[in-house]
């Protein structure tokens, strides 16, 4: 199923981006992002072995695209986007460490770099979509919990995975950015 979702998202990105040079980066990032979403959903962790290469690989790969004609200024904005989004999530982590993990902060670096490639408006849009989706899911969990223990037959609620919502929001943002840039 992970491969099918990755292939579908890659096809959508290819259709949106066309022959733009950054498409190669998106096609490499998507399978890692989808895998991260699945892992976080199942085990409530975003492992460094996936989040850190996503961030570092995105910076390096987009840097190569920038050197090849994509624009160094665009790459600089992407790097600032990664730092900015990670900084935002780090503040959220400091405010409520029980509600936000450091894995989410590390994931935000790679997602911010990716979104930042298309500018601040796309960065904010993708980040907001992730927050909105996560908030809607969290509200659903609260409503379920408010119905009482008889409404739950599977025991206590584990911590909510937030990475999948961040990733889905970012992928929508990149789709919007790629479509607008084409």
Protein backbone atom coordinates (compact mmCIF):
# COMPACT_ATOMS: atom_id res chain seq x y z
CA UNK A 1 0.00 0.00 0.00
CA UNK A 2 2.87 2.39 0.79
CA UNK A 3 4.28 1.88 -2.71
CA UNK A 4 0.90 2.54 -4.31
CA UNK A 5 0.40 5.76 -2.34
CA UNK A 6 3.95 6.87 -3.19
CA UNK A 7 3.39 6.15 -6.88
CA UNK A 8 0.09 8.06 -6.89
CA UNK A 9 1.61 11.10 -5.18
CA UNK A 10 4.63 11.00 -7.52
CA UNK A 11 2.30 10.90 -10.53
CA UNK A 12 0.35 13.88 -9.20
CA UNK A 13 3.57 15.81 -8.60
CA UNK A 14 4.87 14.95 -12.06
CA UNK A 15 1.63 16.19 -13.60
CA UNK A 16 1.75 19.39 -11.52
CA UNK A 17 5.46 20.16 -11.95
CA UNK A 18 5.92 19.07 -15.53
CA UNK A 19 9.56 19.03 -16.63
CA UNK A 20 10.78 21.38 -13.88
CA UNK A 21 14.21 20.38 -12.52
CA UNK A 22 13.05 20.09 -8.90
CA UNK A 23 10.69 17.24 -9.88
CA UNK A 24 13.60 14.80 -9.50
CA UNK A 25 13.93 15.87 -5.87
CA UNK A 26 10.20 15.51 -5.21
CA UNK A 27 10.20 12.02 -6.71
CA UNK A 28 12.99 11.06 -4.29
CA UNK A 29 11.38 12.75 -1.27
CA UNK A 30 7.87 11.31 -1.64
CA UNK A 31 8.62 7.64 -0.84
CA UNK A 32 10.54 8.67 2.30
CA UNK A 33 7.74 11.01 3.37
CA UNK A 34 5.07 8.34 2.83
CA UNK A 35 7.16 5.81 4.76
CA UNK A 36 7.58 8.32 7.61
CA UNK A 37 3.81 8.87 7.72
CA UNK A 38 3.18 5.12 7.92
CA UNK A 39 5.84 4.57 10.59
CA UNK A 40 4.58 7.45 12.74
CA UNK A 41 0.99 6.29 12.38
CA UNK A 42 1.86 2.75 13.46
CA UNK A 43 4.47 3.27 16.19
CA UNK A 44 4.12 6.97 17.10
CA UNK A 45 7.76 7.73 16.25
CA UNK A 46 9.60 9.57 13.51
CA UNK A 47 13.00 7.88 13.40
CA UNK A 48 16.13 9.96 12.83
CA UNK A 49 17.28 7.42 10.25
CA UNK A 50 14.51 8.78 8.00
CA UNK A 51 13.93 12.39 9.13
CA UNK A 52 17.57 13.51 9.05
CA UNK A 53 18.35 12.17 5.53
CA UNK A 54 15.08 13.73 4.34
CA UNK A 55 16.22 17.11 5.65
CA UNK A 56 19.88 16.87 4.62
CA UNK A 57 19.15 15.19 1.31
CA UNK A 58 16.53 17.81 0.47
CA UNK A 59 18.95 20.65 1.17
CA UNK A 60 21.73 19.08 -0.89
CA UNK A 61 19.53 17.93 -3.79
CA UNK A 62 17.77 21.29 -4.07
CA UNK A 63 21.17 22.98 -3.85
CA UNK A 64 22.27 20.98 -6.88
CA UNK A 65 19.07 21.94 -8.70
CA UNK A 66 19.74 25.58 -7.83
CA UNK A 67 23.29 25.37 -9.18
CA UNK A 68 21.94 23.79 -12.34
CA UNK A 69 19.75 26.76 -13.05
CA UNK A 70 17.02 26.70 -10.41
CA UNK A 71 18.42 29.80 -8.72
CA UNK A 72 20.58 30.12 -5.64
CA UNK A 73 18.15 32.68 -4.18
CA UNK A 74 15.33 30.13 -4.40
CA UNK A 75 17.53 27.59 -2.62
CA UNK A 76 18.38 30.10 0.10
CA UNK A 77 14.67 30.67 0.65
CA UNK A 78 14.13 26.93 0.86
CA UNK A 79 16.84 26.55 3.51
CA UNK A 80 15.37 29.46 5.48
CA UNK A 81 11.96 27.83 5.14
CA UNK A 82 13.30 24.62 6.67
CA UNK A 83 14.90 26.49 9.55
CA UNK A 84 11.80 28.62 10.07
CA UNK A 85 9.37 25.71 10.14
CA UNK A 86 11.66 23.70 12.41
CA UNK A 87 11.96 26.73 14.70
CA UNK A 88 8.18 27.03 14.85
CA UNK A 89 7.79 23.37 15.77
CA UNK A 90 10.63 23.61 18.27
CA UNK A 91 8.75 26.39 20.06
CA UNK A 92 5.65 24.18 20.09
CA UNK A 93 7.78 21.39 21.53
CA UNK A 94 9.13 23.69 24.26
CA UNK A 95 5.62 24.87 25.14
CA UNK A 96 4.20 21.34 25.34
CA UNK A 97 6.76 18.50 25.12
CA UNK A 98 4.02 15.94 25.77
CA UNK A 99 2.09 17.14 22.71
CA UNK A 100 4.92 17.55 20.20
CA UNK A 101 7.97 15.36 19.80
CA UNK A 102 11.45 16.20 18.58
CA UNK A 103 10.81 13.89 15.65
CA UNK A 104 8.17 16.36 14.48
CA UNK A 105 10.72 19.16 14.80
CA UNK A 106 13.28 17.23 12.71
CA UNK A 107 10.61 16.34 10.14
CA UNK A 108 9.75 20.04 9.87
CA UNK A 109 13.26 20.77 8.57
CA UNK A 110 12.81 18.59 5.49
CA UNK A 111 9.21 19.63 4.92
CA UNK A 112 10.07 23.31 5.35
CA UNK A 113 12.92 23.08 2.84
CA UNK A 114 10.61 21.38 0.37
CA UNK A 115 7.78 23.87 0.83
CA UNK A 116 10.16 26.81 1.00
CA UNK A 117 11.39 26.05 -2.53
CA UNK A 118 8.15 27.59 -3.81
CA UNK A 119 8.21 30.56 -1.43
CA UNK A 120 6.80 31.67 1.87
CA UNK A 121 3.15 31.57 0.78
CA UNK A 122 3.41 27.87 -0.10
CA UNK A 123 5.40 27.19 3.09
CA UNK A 124 2.68 28.78 5.22
CA UNK A 125 -0.09 27.08 3.23
CA UNK A 126 1.45 23.60 3.54
CA UNK A 127 2.26 24.06 7.23
CA UNK A 128 -1.23 25.41 7.94
CA UNK A 129 -2.87 22.50 6.12
CA UNK A 130 -0.90 20.08 8.30
CA UNK A 131 -1.93 21.94 11.45
CA UNK A 132 -5.55 22.04 10.32
CA UNK A 133 -5.70 18.33 9.47
CA UNK A 134 -4.04 17.42 12.77
CA UNK A 135 -6.42 19.68 14.70
CA UNK A 136 -9.46 18.15 13.01
CA UNK A 137 -8.25 14.65 13.81
CA UNK A 138 -7.49 15.70 17.40
CA UNK A 139 -10.99 17.15 17.76
CA UNK A 140 -12.40 13.85 16.57
CA UNK A 141 -10.37 12.05 19.24
CA UNK A 142 -11.66 14.45 21.90
CA UNK A 143 -15.25 13.93 20.80
CA UNK A 144 -14.76 10.19 20.91
CA UNK A 145 -13.26 10.45 24.37
CA UNK A 146 -16.15 12.68 25.53
CA UNK A 147 -18.63 9.97 24.61
CA UNK A 148 -17.22 7.96 27.48
CA UNK A 149 -15.32 4.73 27.98
CA UNK A 150 -18.17 2.61 26.57
CA UNK A 151 -17.58 4.29 23.19
CA UNK A 152 -14.05 2.92 23.15
CA UNK A 153 -13.56 -0.80 22.97
CA UNK A 154 -9.84 -0.79 22.24
CA UNK A 155 -8.43 0.54 25.51
CA UNK A 156 -6.88 3.90 26.25
CA UNK A 157 -5.91 6.27 23.44
CA UNK A 158 -2.21 6.30 22.61
CA UNK A 159 -0.48 9.56 21.75
CA UNK A 160 -1.69 11.08 18.49
CA UNK A 161 0.80 10.85 15.63
CA UNK A 162 1.24 14.30 14.14
CA UNK A 163 3.81 13.54 11.42
CA UNK A 164 1.28 12.12 8.94
CA UNK A 165 -0.73 15.34 9.07
CA UNK A 166 2.41 17.45 8.61
CA UNK A 167 3.35 15.31 5.61
CA UNK A 168 -0.08 15.41 3.95
CA UNK A 169 -0.24 19.19 4.42
CA UNK A 170 3.25 19.57 2.95
CA UNK A 171 2.46 17.35 -0.03
CA UNK A 172 -0.63 19.42 -0.81
CA UNK A 173 1.48 22.56 -0.49
CA UNK A 174 4.11 21.21 -2.89
CA UNK A 175 1.39 20.23 -5.36
CA UNK A 176 0.04 23.78 -5.24
CA UNK A 177 3.50 25.28 -5.58
CA UNK A 178 4.49 23.02 -8.46
CA UNK A 179 1.24 23.73 -10.30
CA UNK A 180 1.67 27.47 -9.85
CA UNK A 181 5.33 27.36 -10.97
CA UNK A 182 4.63 25.41 -14.16
